[in-house]
Amino acid sequence: MSIREAVDAIRRGEVVGVPTDTVYGLAVDPWNEVAVGRLFELKGRPRHKPVGLLAADASQAAEIADLSAAGDLLRHWPGALTLVVRPTVVIPNWVGDAALGTVGIRVPDHDLLRRLLAETGPLAVTSANRSGMPEARDDEEAKAMFGEFVAVYLPGRCPGGTASTVVDVTGPEPKVLRAGPVVIGEDG
């Protein structure tokens, strides 16, 4: 499958399988409520659980999110660090945490995925697994789980195998919400 096929599927509101630097993911257009609904349904994910965004680079992320509080944490991008930030544009209620007015955003360290994101803009992405089950590590494992319910599976094996570190930078001090591959210590 090609990036062009994935871009076309995203624009049609379909779910696309994507390799990342952490775990294999499922991606949709975050501004398409029906597409995000499909994503939640496929995973069996509760609707109140926030879904984050992936961006091609920090510049693309900065077009929709206030990264000023992230400071030197941005040195971990591209990489396995999700930052919980305040959006600077209207984010749909079905993306991020509408009650808190936050969204998680990350720039993955995966060239193929960043090329896709450069074409589509930021995408809502979550791990390719049924809620509570182990994450897929590659397109073949994802296909075995989701079959034809995913329009396109971009090929690739994810080298990380562990979900990203999540750090909330909306408060007075950065707060680690989920430990992961990027270790955030006293020096950030």
N, C-alpha and C. Protein backbone atom coordinates (compact mmCIF):
# COMPACT_ATOMS: atom_id res chain seq x y z
N MET A 1 0.83 -1.18 0.00
CA MET A 1 0.00 0.00 0.00
C MET A 1 0.89 1.25 0.00
N SER A 2 0.36 2.30 -0.58
CA SER A 2 1.16 3.51 -0.73
C SER A 2 0.62 4.65 0.13
N ILE A 3 1.44 5.66 0.29
CA ILE A 3 1.02 6.86 1.01
C ILE A 3 -0.18 7.49 0.31
N ARG A 4 -0.16 7.50 -1.03
CA ARG A 4 -1.28 8.10 -1.77
C ARG A 4 -2.59 7.39 -1.42
N GLU A 5 -2.57 6.06 -1.37
CA GLU A 5 -3.79 5.30 -1.01
C GLU A 5 -4.23 5.64 0.42
N ALA A 6 -3.27 5.81 1.31
CA ALA A 6 -3.59 6.15 2.69
C ALA A 6 -4.18 7.55 2.78
N VAL A 7 -3.61 8.51 2.06
CA VAL A 7 -4.13 9.88 2.04
C VAL A 7 -5.57 9.87 1.53
N ASP A 8 -5.81 9.16 0.43
CA ASP A 8 -7.16 9.10 -0.14
C ASP A 8 -8.14 8.49 0.84
N ALA A 9 -7.74 7.43 1.55
CA ALA A 9 -8.62 6.78 2.53
C ALA A 9 -8.93 7.73 3.69
N ILE A 10 -7.92 8.44 4.16
CA ILE A 10 -8.13 9.42 5.25
C ILE A 10 -9.14 10.46 4.80
N ARG A 11 -8.98 10.96 3.59
CA ARG A 11 -9.88 12.01 3.08
C ARG A 11 -11.30 11.49 2.89
N ARG A 12 -11.45 10.17 2.69
CA ARG A 12 -12.79 9.56 2.58
C ARG A 12 -13.38 9.26 3.96
N GLY A 13 -12.64 9.53 5.02
CA GLY A 13 -13.14 9.28 6.36
C GLY A 13 -12.94 7.85 6.84
N GLU A 14 -11.99 7.17 6.24
CA GLU A 14 -11.73 5.78 6.62
C GLU A 14 -10.57 5.69 7.61
N VAL A 15 -10.46 4.51 8.23
CA VAL A 15 -9.39 4.23 9.18
C VAL A 15 -8.20 3.66 8.42
N VAL A 16 -7.00 4.12 8.77
CA VAL A 16 -5.77 3.69 8.12
C VAL A 16 -4.82 3.16 9.19
N GLY A 17 -4.18 2.02 8.91
CA GLY A 17 -3.16 1.47 9.79
C GLY A 17 -1.81 2.09 9.47
N VAL A 18 -1.09 2.51 10.53
CA VAL A 18 0.19 3.20 10.32
C VAL A 18 1.26 2.68 11.27
N PRO A 19 2.47 2.46 10.75
CA PRO A 19 3.58 2.12 11.64
C PRO A 19 4.07 3.40 12.31
N THR A 20 4.52 3.26 13.55
CA THR A 20 5.11 4.39 14.26
C THR A 20 6.43 3.93 14.87
N ASP A 21 7.05 4.81 15.62
CA ASP A 21 8.28 4.45 16.31
C ASP A 21 8.00 3.73 17.63
N THR A 22 6.73 3.65 18.02
CA THR A 22 6.38 2.99 19.28
C THR A 22 5.61 1.70 18.99
N VAL A 23 4.31 1.81 18.74
CA VAL A 23 3.49 0.65 18.39
C VAL A 23 2.73 0.97 17.11
N TYR A 24 2.22 -0.07 16.44
CA TYR A 24 1.45 0.15 15.22
C TYR A 24 0.17 0.89 15.61
N GLY A 25 -0.28 1.81 14.75
CA GLY A 25 -1.42 2.63 15.10
C GLY A 25 -2.55 2.59 14.09
N LEU A 26 -3.68 3.13 14.51
CA LEU A 26 -4.84 3.34 13.66
C LEU A 26 -5.06 4.84 13.59
N ALA A 27 -5.19 5.38 12.37
CA ALA A 27 -5.25 6.82 12.16
C ALA A 27 -6.51 7.22 11.41
N VAL A 28 -7.03 8.40 11.79
CA VAL A 28 -8.17 8.98 11.09
C VAL A 28 -8.04 10.50 11.09
N ASP A 29 -8.87 11.12 10.26
CA ASP A 29 -8.97 12.58 10.23
C ASP A 29 -9.63 13.04 11.53
N PRO A 30 -8.93 13.81 12.35
CA PRO A 30 -9.48 14.20 13.65
C PRO A 30 -10.68 15.14 13.57
N TRP A 31 -10.88 15.79 12.44
CA TRP A 31 -11.99 16.72 12.29
C TRP A 31 -13.23 16.04 11.70
N ASN A 32 -13.14 14.74 11.45
CA ASN A 32 -14.25 13.97 10.89
C ASN A 32 -14.86 13.11 12.00
N GLU A 33 -16.00 13.54 12.52
CA GLU A 33 -16.63 12.86 13.65
C GLU A 33 -16.97 11.41 13.35
N VAL A 34 -17.43 11.14 12.14
CA VAL A 34 -17.78 9.76 11.76
C VAL A 34 -16.52 8.89 11.76
N ALA A 35 -15.43 9.41 11.23
CA ALA A 35 -14.17 8.65 11.19
C ALA A 35 -13.67 8.35 12.60
N VAL A 36 -13.70 9.35 13.48
CA VAL A 36 -13.25 9.14 14.85
C VAL A 36 -14.18 8.15 15.55
N GLY A 37 -15.46 8.22 15.25
CA GLY A 37 -16.41 7.26 15.80
C GLY A 37 -16.08 5.84 15.38
N ARG A 38 -15.70 5.67 14.11
CA ARG A 38 -15.28 4.35 13.61
C ARG A 38 -14.06 3.84 14.38
N LEU A 39 -13.13 4.74 14.62
CA LEU A 39 -11.91 4.39 15.34
C LEU A 39 -12.26 3.87 16.75
N PHE A 40 -13.10 4.59 17.45
CA PHE A 40 -13.51 4.17 18.80
C PHE A 40 -14.26 2.84 18.75
N GLU A 41 -15.11 2.69 17.76
CA GLU A 41 -15.89 1.44 17.62
C GLU A 41 -14.97 0.26 17.33
N LEU A 42 -14.04 0.42 16.41
CA LEU A 42 -13.11 -0.65 16.08
C LEU A 42 -12.33 -1.13 17.30
N LYS A 43 -11.89 -0.19 18.10
CA LYS A 43 -11.08 -0.53 19.27
C LYS A 43 -11.93 -1.00 20.45
N GLY A 44 -13.24 -0.68 20.44
CA GLY A 44 -14.04 -0.94 21.61
C GLY A 44 -13.63 0.00 22.73
N ARG A 45 -13.23 1.21 22.32
CA ARG A 45 -12.69 2.21 23.25
C ARG A 45 -13.82 3.10 23.77
N PRO A 46 -13.86 3.36 25.06
CA PRO A 46 -14.88 4.26 25.59
C PRO A 46 -14.74 5.65 24.98
N ARG A 47 -15.84 6.27 24.64
CA ARG A 47 -15.81 7.59 23.98
C ARG A 47 -15.22 8.69 24.85
N HIS A 48 -15.24 8.51 26.17
CA HIS A 48 -14.71 9.55 27.06
C HIS A 48 -13.19 9.50 27.16
N LYS A 49 -12.56 8.43 26.64
CA LYS A 49 -11.10 8.31 26.72
C LYS A 49 -10.48 9.13 25.59
N PRO A 50 -9.66 10.13 25.92
CA PRO A 50 -9.13 11.02 24.88
C PRO A 50 -8.27 10.30 23.84
N VAL A 51 -8.35 10.76 22.62
CA VAL A 51 -7.46 10.29 21.56
C VAL A 51 -6.57 11.47 21.19
N GLY A 52 -5.30 11.19 20.98
CA GLY A 52 -4.34 12.24 20.69
C GLY A 52 -4.08 12.42 19.21
N LEU A 53 -3.19 13.34 18.93
CA LEU A 53 -2.84 13.69 17.55
C LEU A 53 -1.36 13.41 17.30
N LEU A 54 -1.06 13.02 16.07
CA LEU A 54 0.32 12.95 15.60
C LEU A 54 0.50 14.02 14.54
N ALA A 55 1.67 14.64 14.55
CA ALA A 55 2.00 15.69 13.59
C ALA A 55 3.30 15.35 12.89
N ALA A 56 3.49 15.92 11.70
CA ALA A 56 4.68 15.64 10.89
C ALA A 56 5.94 16.22 11.52
N ASP A 57 5.81 17.37 12.18
CA ASP A 57 6.96 18.02 12.80
C ASP A 57 6.44 19.04 13.81
N ALA A 58 7.35 19.66 14.54
CA ALA A 58 6.97 20.62 15.57
C ALA A 58 6.25 21.82 14.98
N SER A 59 6.62 22.23 13.77
CA SER A 59 5.95 23.37 13.13
C SER A 59 4.48 23.06 12.87
N GLN A 60 4.21 21.86 12.37
CA GLN A 60 2.83 21.46 12.11
C GLN A 60 2.06 21.38 13.44
N ALA A 61 2.69 20.84 14.47
CA ALA A 61 2.05 20.75 15.79
C ALA A 61 1.74 22.14 16.33
N ALA A 62 2.66 23.08 16.12
CA ALA A 62 2.48 24.44 16.63
C ALA A 62 1.36 25.19 15.92
N GLU A 63 0.93 24.71 14.76
CA GLU A 63 -0.20 25.33 14.06
C GLU A 63 -1.52 25.08 14.78
N ILE A 64 -1.56 24.05 15.62
CA ILE A 64 -2.82 23.72 16.30
C ILE A 64 -2.71 23.67 17.82
N ALA A 65 -1.49 23.76 18.35
CA ALA A 65 -1.30 23.61 19.79
C ALA A 65 -0.27 24.60 20.32
N ASP A 66 -0.48 25.03 21.55
CA ASP A 66 0.46 25.92 22.22
C ASP A 66 1.58 25.08 22.82
N LEU A 67 2.74 25.15 22.21
CA LEU A 67 3.89 24.36 22.65
C LEU A 67 4.82 25.14 23.57
N SER A 68 4.47 26.38 23.89
CA SER A 68 5.38 27.24 24.65
C SER A 68 5.72 26.65 26.03
N ALA A 69 4.79 25.97 26.66
CA ALA A 69 5.06 25.40 27.99
C ALA A 69 5.94 24.15 27.93
N ALA A 70 6.13 23.61 26.74
CA ALA A 70 6.92 22.39 26.60
C ALA A 70 8.41 22.64 26.79
N GLY A 71 8.85 23.86 26.50
CA GLY A 71 10.26 24.20 26.68
C GLY A 71 11.19 23.21 26.01
N ASP A 72 12.18 22.76 26.76
CA ASP A 72 13.20 21.88 26.17
C ASP A 72 12.72 20.43 26.03
N LEU A 73 11.49 20.12 26.45
CA LEU A 73 10.95 18.77 26.19
C LEU A 73 10.83 18.52 24.68
N LEU A 74 10.73 19.59 23.91
CA LEU A 74 10.62 19.45 22.45
C LEU A 74 11.87 18.80 21.84
N ARG A 75 12.95 18.76 22.59
CA ARG A 75 14.16 18.10 22.07
C ARG A 75 13.92 16.60 21.86
N HIS A 76 12.88 16.06 22.48
CA HIS A 76 12.55 14.64 22.33
C HIS A 76 11.73 14.36 21.07
N TRP A 77 11.44 15.40 20.28
CA TRP A 77 10.73 15.22 19.01
C TRP A 77 11.70 15.31 17.87
N PRO A 78 11.58 14.51 16.83
CA PRO A 78 10.64 13.40 16.79
C PRO A 78 11.04 12.33 17.80
N GLY A 79 10.02 11.69 18.35
CA GLY A 79 10.28 10.63 19.31
C GLY A 79 9.04 10.22 20.07
N ALA A 80 9.26 9.38 21.06
CA ALA A 80 8.17 8.71 21.78
C ALA A 80 7.68 9.53 22.98
N LEU A 81 7.47 10.84 22.76
CA LEU A 81 6.97 11.71 23.81
C LEU A 81 5.70 12.41 23.34
N THR A 82 4.60 12.15 24.03
CA THR A 82 3.34 12.84 23.78
C THR A 82 3.22 13.96 24.81
N LEU A 83 2.95 15.16 24.32
CA LEU A 83 2.77 16.31 25.19
C LEU A 83 1.28 16.64 25.27
N VAL A 84 0.77 16.77 26.48
CA VAL A 84 -0.60 17.23 26.68
C VAL A 84 -0.52 18.74 26.80
N VAL A 85 -1.19 19.42 25.86
CA VAL A 85 -1.07 20.87 25.72
C VAL A 85 -2.46 21.49 25.53
N ARG A 86 -2.48 22.81 25.48
CA ARG A 86 -3.71 23.54 25.15
C ARG A 86 -3.75 23.74 23.64
N PRO A 87 -4.87 23.42 23.01
CA PRO A 87 -4.97 23.69 21.58
C PRO A 87 -5.10 25.19 21.32
N THR A 88 -4.64 25.62 20.15
CA THR A 88 -4.78 27.02 19.75
C THR A 88 -5.84 27.18 18.69
N VAL A 89 -6.44 26.08 18.27
CA VAL A 89 -7.56 26.08 17.33
C VAL A 89 -8.69 25.31 18.00
N VAL A 90 -9.86 25.40 17.43
CA VAL A 90 -10.98 24.66 17.97
C VAL A 90 -10.77 23.18 17.67
N ILE A 91 -10.64 22.40 18.73
CA ILE A 91 -10.46 20.95 18.60
C ILE A 91 -11.82 20.32 18.82
N PRO A 92 -12.23 19.41 17.95
CA PRO A 92 -13.54 18.78 18.14
C PRO A 92 -13.63 18.06 19.49
N ASN A 93 -14.82 18.00 20.04
CA ASN A 93 -15.04 17.37 21.34
C ASN A 93 -14.61 15.91 21.37
N TRP A 94 -14.58 15.26 20.22
CA TRP A 94 -14.24 13.84 20.17
C TRP A 94 -12.73 13.59 20.08
N VAL A 95 -11.93 14.63 20.12
CA VAL A 95 -10.47 14.51 20.12
C VAL A 95 -9.97 15.22 21.38
N GLY A 96 -8.95 14.67 21.99
CA GLY A 96 -8.42 15.30 23.19
C GLY A 96 -9.38 15.16 24.35
N ASP A 97 -9.21 16.00 25.34
CA ASP A 97 -10.07 16.00 26.52
C ASP A 97 -10.82 17.32 26.56
N ALA A 98 -12.06 17.30 26.06
CA ALA A 98 -12.86 18.52 25.96
C ALA A 98 -13.10 19.15 27.33
N ALA A 99 -13.31 18.32 28.36
CA ALA A 99 -13.59 18.84 29.70
C ALA A 99 -12.40 19.64 30.25
N LEU A 100 -11.20 19.17 29.97
CA LEU A 100 -10.00 19.87 30.46
C LEU A 100 -9.47 20.90 29.47
N GLY A 101 -9.96 20.87 28.23
CA GLY A 101 -9.46 21.78 27.20
C GLY A 101 -8.03 21.48 26.81
N THR A 102 -7.71 20.18 26.71
CA THR A 102 -6.34 19.77 26.36
C THR A 102 -6.37 18.76 25.22
N VAL A 103 -5.21 18.59 24.62
CA VAL A 103 -5.03 17.56 23.60
C VAL A 103 -3.60 17.04 23.71
N GLY A 104 -3.44 15.74 23.50
CA GLY A 104 -2.11 15.14 23.44
C GLY A 104 -1.61 15.22 22.01
N ILE A 105 -0.36 15.59 21.84
CA ILE A 105 0.21 15.69 20.49
C ILE A 105 1.65 15.17 20.52
N ARG A 106 2.03 14.55 19.41
CA ARG A 106 3.36 13.93 19.33
C ARG A 106 3.86 14.00 17.90
N VAL A 107 5.17 14.07 17.75
CA VAL A 107 5.82 13.96 16.44
C VAL A 107 6.58 12.64 16.46
N PRO A 108 6.11 11.65 15.71
CA PRO A 108 6.75 10.33 15.74
C PRO A 108 8.08 10.31 15.00
N ASP A 109 8.96 9.44 15.44
CA ASP A 109 10.25 9.27 14.79
C ASP A 109 10.15 8.12 13.80
N HIS A 110 9.32 8.33 12.77
CA HIS A 110 9.09 7.32 11.75
C HIS A 110 8.89 8.03 10.42
N ASP A 111 9.85 7.89 9.50
CA ASP A 111 9.86 8.66 8.26
C ASP A 111 8.61 8.46 7.41
N LEU A 112 8.17 7.21 7.23
CA LEU A 112 6.99 6.94 6.40
C LEU A 112 5.76 7.64 6.99
N LEU A 113 5.57 7.53 8.28
CA LEU A 113 4.42 8.17 8.92
C LEU A 113 4.51 9.68 8.84
N ARG A 114 5.69 10.25 9.02
CA ARG A 114 5.82 11.71 8.92
C ARG A 114 5.54 12.19 7.50
N ARG A 115 5.88 11.37 6.50
CA ARG A 115 5.53 11.74 5.12
C ARG A 115 4.02 11.75 4.94
N LEU A 116 3.33 10.77 5.51
CA LEU A 116 1.87 10.75 5.45
C LEU A 116 1.30 11.98 6.14
N LEU A 117 1.79 12.29 7.35
CA LEU A 117 1.30 13.44 8.11
C LEU A 117 1.56 14.76 7.38
N ALA A 118 2.65 14.84 6.65
CA ALA A 118 2.94 16.05 5.87
C ALA A 118 1.87 16.25 4.79
N GLU A 119 1.32 15.16 4.28
CA GLU A 119 0.27 15.22 3.25
C GLU A 119 -1.10 15.50 3.84
N THR A 120 -1.41 14.88 4.97
CA THR A 120 -2.76 14.94 5.53
C THR A 120 -2.96 16.03 6.57
N GLY A 121 -1.88 16.47 7.19
CA GLY A 121 -2.00 17.29 8.39
C GLY A 121 -2.09 16.36 9.58
N PRO A 122 -2.20 16.91 10.78
CA PRO A 122 -2.26 16.06 11.97
C PRO A 122 -3.39 15.05 11.89
N LEU A 123 -3.14 13.87 12.44
CA LEU A 123 -4.14 12.81 12.45
C LEU A 123 -4.40 12.36 13.88
N ALA A 124 -5.63 11.93 14.13
CA ALA A 124 -5.97 11.28 15.40
C ALA A 124 -5.47 9.85 15.28
N VAL A 125 -4.61 9.45 16.21
CA VAL A 125 -3.99 8.13 16.13
C VAL A 125 -4.01 7.48 17.51
N THR A 126 -4.33 6.21 17.52
CA THR A 126 -4.28 5.42 18.73
C THR A 126 -3.69 4.06 18.39
N SER A 127 -3.27 3.33 19.39
CA SER A 127 -2.64 2.04 19.15
C SER A 127 -3.60 1.07 18.47
N ALA A 128 -3.04 0.20 17.63
CA ALA A 128 -3.85 -0.79 16.90
C ALA A 128 -4.03 -2.02 17.79
N ASN A 129 -5.10 -1.99 18.55
CA ASN A 129 -5.47 -3.11 19.40
C ASN A 129 -6.89 -2.88 19.88
N ARG A 130 -7.52 -3.95 20.28
CA ARG A 130 -8.81 -3.81 20.95
C ARG A 130 -8.49 -3.33 22.37
N SER A 131 -9.31 -2.47 22.91
CA SER A 131 -9.06 -1.93 24.25
C SER A 131 -8.79 -3.06 25.24
N GLY A 132 -7.70 -2.90 25.98
CA GLY A 132 -7.32 -3.88 26.98
C GLY A 132 -6.46 -5.03 26.47
N MET A 133 -6.26 -5.11 25.17
CA MET A 133 -5.46 -6.18 24.56
C MET A 133 -4.08 -5.63 24.19
N PRO A 134 -3.09 -6.53 23.95
CA PRO A 134 -1.76 -6.06 23.55
C PRO A 134 -1.79 -5.32 22.20
N GLU A 135 -0.91 -4.33 22.07
CA GLU A 135 -0.83 -3.54 20.85
C GLU A 135 -0.16 -4.33 19.73
N ALA A 136 -0.63 -4.08 18.50
CA ALA A 136 0.03 -4.66 17.32
C ALA A 136 1.39 -4.01 17.16
N ARG A 137 2.35 -4.78 16.68
CA ARG A 137 3.70 -4.25 16.44
C ARG A 137 3.96 -3.99 14.96
N ASP A 138 3.09 -4.56 14.08
CA ASP A 138 3.30 -4.36 12.64
C ASP A 138 1.96 -4.48 11.91
N ASP A 139 2.03 -4.24 10.59
CA ASP A 139 0.82 -4.25 9.78
C ASP A 139 0.16 -5.62 9.74
N GLU A 140 0.94 -6.69 9.79
CA GLU A 140 0.36 -8.03 9.75
C GLU A 140 -0.43 -8.33 11.02
N GLU A 141 0.10 -7.97 12.18
CA GLU A 141 -0.63 -8.17 13.43
C GLU A 141 -1.91 -7.32 13.44
N ALA A 142 -1.82 -6.11 12.93
CA ALA A 142 -3.00 -5.23 12.88
C ALA A 142 -4.05 -5.82 11.94
N LYS A 143 -3.62 -6.33 10.79
CA LYS A 143 -4.56 -6.96 9.84
C LYS A 143 -5.27 -8.14 10.47
N ALA A 144 -4.53 -8.92 11.25
CA ALA A 144 -5.12 -10.09 11.91
C ALA A 144 -6.20 -9.65 12.90
N MET A 145 -6.05 -8.49 13.50
CA MET A 145 -7.04 -7.99 14.47
C MET A 145 -8.23 -7.32 13.80
N PHE A 146 -7.97 -6.52 12.76
CA PHE A 146 -9.01 -5.64 12.23
C PHE A 146 -9.45 -5.95 10.81
N GLY A 147 -8.69 -6.76 10.09
CA GLY A 147 -9.08 -7.18 8.74
C GLY A 147 -9.51 -6.05 7.84
N GLU A 148 -10.65 -6.24 7.18
CA GLU A 148 -11.16 -5.29 6.19
C GLU A 148 -11.78 -4.03 6.80
N PHE A 149 -11.86 -3.97 8.14
CA PHE A 149 -12.42 -2.77 8.77
C PHE A 149 -11.46 -1.59 8.70
N VAL A 150 -10.22 -1.85 8.36
CA VAL A 150 -9.23 -0.81 8.14
C VAL A 150 -8.97 -0.75 6.65
N ALA A 151 -9.11 0.45 6.07
CA ALA A 151 -9.06 0.61 4.61
C ALA A 151 -7.68 0.33 4.03
N VAL A 152 -6.64 0.83 4.68
CA VAL A 152 -5.28 0.73 4.18
C VAL A 152 -4.36 0.43 5.37
N TYR A 153 -3.43 -0.49 5.17
CA TYR A 153 -2.39 -0.76 6.17
C TYR A 153 -1.06 -0.39 5.55
N LEU A 154 -0.44 0.68 6.04
CA LEU A 154 0.91 0.98 5.56
C LEU A 154 1.85 -0.05 6.17
N PRO A 155 2.78 -0.57 5.38
CA PRO A 155 3.65 -1.63 5.88
C PRO A 155 4.68 -1.10 6.88
N GLY A 156 5.06 -1.98 7.77
CA GLY A 156 6.13 -1.63 8.68
C GLY A 156 6.01 -2.30 10.03
N ARG A 157 7.17 -2.53 10.62
CA ARG A 157 7.26 -3.07 11.97
C ARG A 157 7.71 -1.93 12.88
N CYS A 158 7.12 -1.84 14.03
CA CYS A 158 7.42 -0.74 14.96
C CYS A 158 8.54 -1.17 15.89
N PRO A 159 9.66 -0.46 15.87
CA PRO A 159 10.82 -0.88 16.63
C PRO A 159 10.68 -0.70 18.14
N GLY A 160 9.82 0.23 18.56
CA GLY A 160 9.74 0.54 19.99
C GLY A 160 9.01 -0.51 20.80
N GLY A 161 7.77 -0.81 20.42
CA GLY A 161 6.99 -1.80 21.12
C GLY A 161 6.37 -1.34 22.41
N THR A 162 6.60 -0.09 22.80
CA THR A 162 6.05 0.46 24.03
C THR A 162 5.38 1.79 23.69
N ALA A 163 4.19 2.00 24.24
CA ALA A 163 3.48 3.26 24.00
C ALA A 163 4.31 4.44 24.50
N SER A 164 4.07 5.61 23.93
CA SER A 164 4.87 6.80 24.24
C SER A 164 4.71 7.25 25.69
N THR A 165 5.71 7.97 26.15
CA THR A 165 5.64 8.68 27.42
C THR A 165 4.66 9.84 27.22
N VAL A 166 3.81 10.08 28.21
CA VAL A 166 2.85 11.19 28.13
C VAL A 166 3.14 12.17 29.26
N VAL A 167 3.35 13.43 28.88
CA VAL A 167 3.66 14.48 29.86
C VAL A 167 2.68 15.64 29.67
N ASP A 168 2.00 16.01 30.74
CA ASP A 168 1.09 17.14 30.74
C ASP A 168 1.90 18.40 31.06
N VAL A 169 1.89 19.35 30.12
CA VAL A 169 2.63 20.60 30.33
C VAL A 169 1.68 21.78 30.50
N THR A 170 0.42 21.50 30.87
CA THR A 170 -0.55 22.59 31.02
C THR A 170 -0.57 23.19 32.42
N GLY A 171 0.09 22.55 33.36
CA GLY A 171 0.13 23.06 34.74
C GLY A 171 1.40 23.83 35.02
N PRO A 172 1.62 24.16 36.30
CA PRO A 172 2.81 24.93 36.66
C PRO A 172 4.12 24.16 36.42
N GLU A 173 4.07 22.83 36.52
CA GLU A 173 5.24 21.97 36.28
C GLU A 173 4.82 20.82 35.38
N PRO A 174 5.72 20.35 34.51
CA PRO A 174 5.38 19.18 33.71
C PRO A 174 5.07 17.98 34.62
N LYS A 175 4.06 17.21 34.22
CA LYS A 175 3.63 16.06 35.02
C LYS A 175 3.55 14.83 34.13
N VAL A 176 4.30 13.79 34.48
CA VAL A 176 4.27 12.55 33.71
C VAL A 176 2.96 11.82 34.00
N LEU A 177 2.16 11.61 32.95
CA LEU A 177 0.89 10.90 33.09
C LEU A 177 1.03 9.42 32.76
N ARG A 178 1.98 9.09 31.89
CA ARG A 178 2.25 7.70 31.55
C ARG A 178 3.74 7.57 31.28
N ALA A 179 4.38 6.69 32.02
CA ALA A 179 5.80 6.42 31.80
C ALA A 179 5.94 5.65 30.49
N GLY A 180 7.05 5.85 29.81
CA GLY A 180 7.28 5.18 28.54
C GLY A 180 8.75 5.25 28.19
N PRO A 181 9.06 5.16 26.89
CA PRO A 181 10.46 5.10 26.45
C PRO A 181 11.28 6.35 26.76
N VAL A 182 10.65 7.52 26.77
CA VAL A 182 11.37 8.76 27.08
C VAL A 182 11.26 8.97 28.58
N VAL A 183 12.41 8.98 29.24
CA VAL A 183 12.44 9.17 30.70
C VAL A 183 12.56 10.65 30.99
N ILE A 184 11.60 11.16 31.74
CA ILE A 184 11.59 12.57 32.10
C ILE A 184 11.99 12.65 33.58
N GLY A 185 13.13 13.27 33.83
CA GLY A 185 13.63 13.37 35.20
C GLY A 185 13.65 14.81 35.65
N GLU A 186 14.49 15.07 36.59
CA GLU A 186 14.61 16.42 37.14
C GLU A 186 15.05 17.43 36.08
N ASP A 187 15.84 16.96 35.10
CA ASP A 187 16.34 17.88 34.06
C ASP A 187 15.44 17.93 32.86
N GLY A 188 14.25 17.29 32.91
CA GLY A 188 13.32 17.30 31.78
C GLY A 188 13.72 16.29 30.78
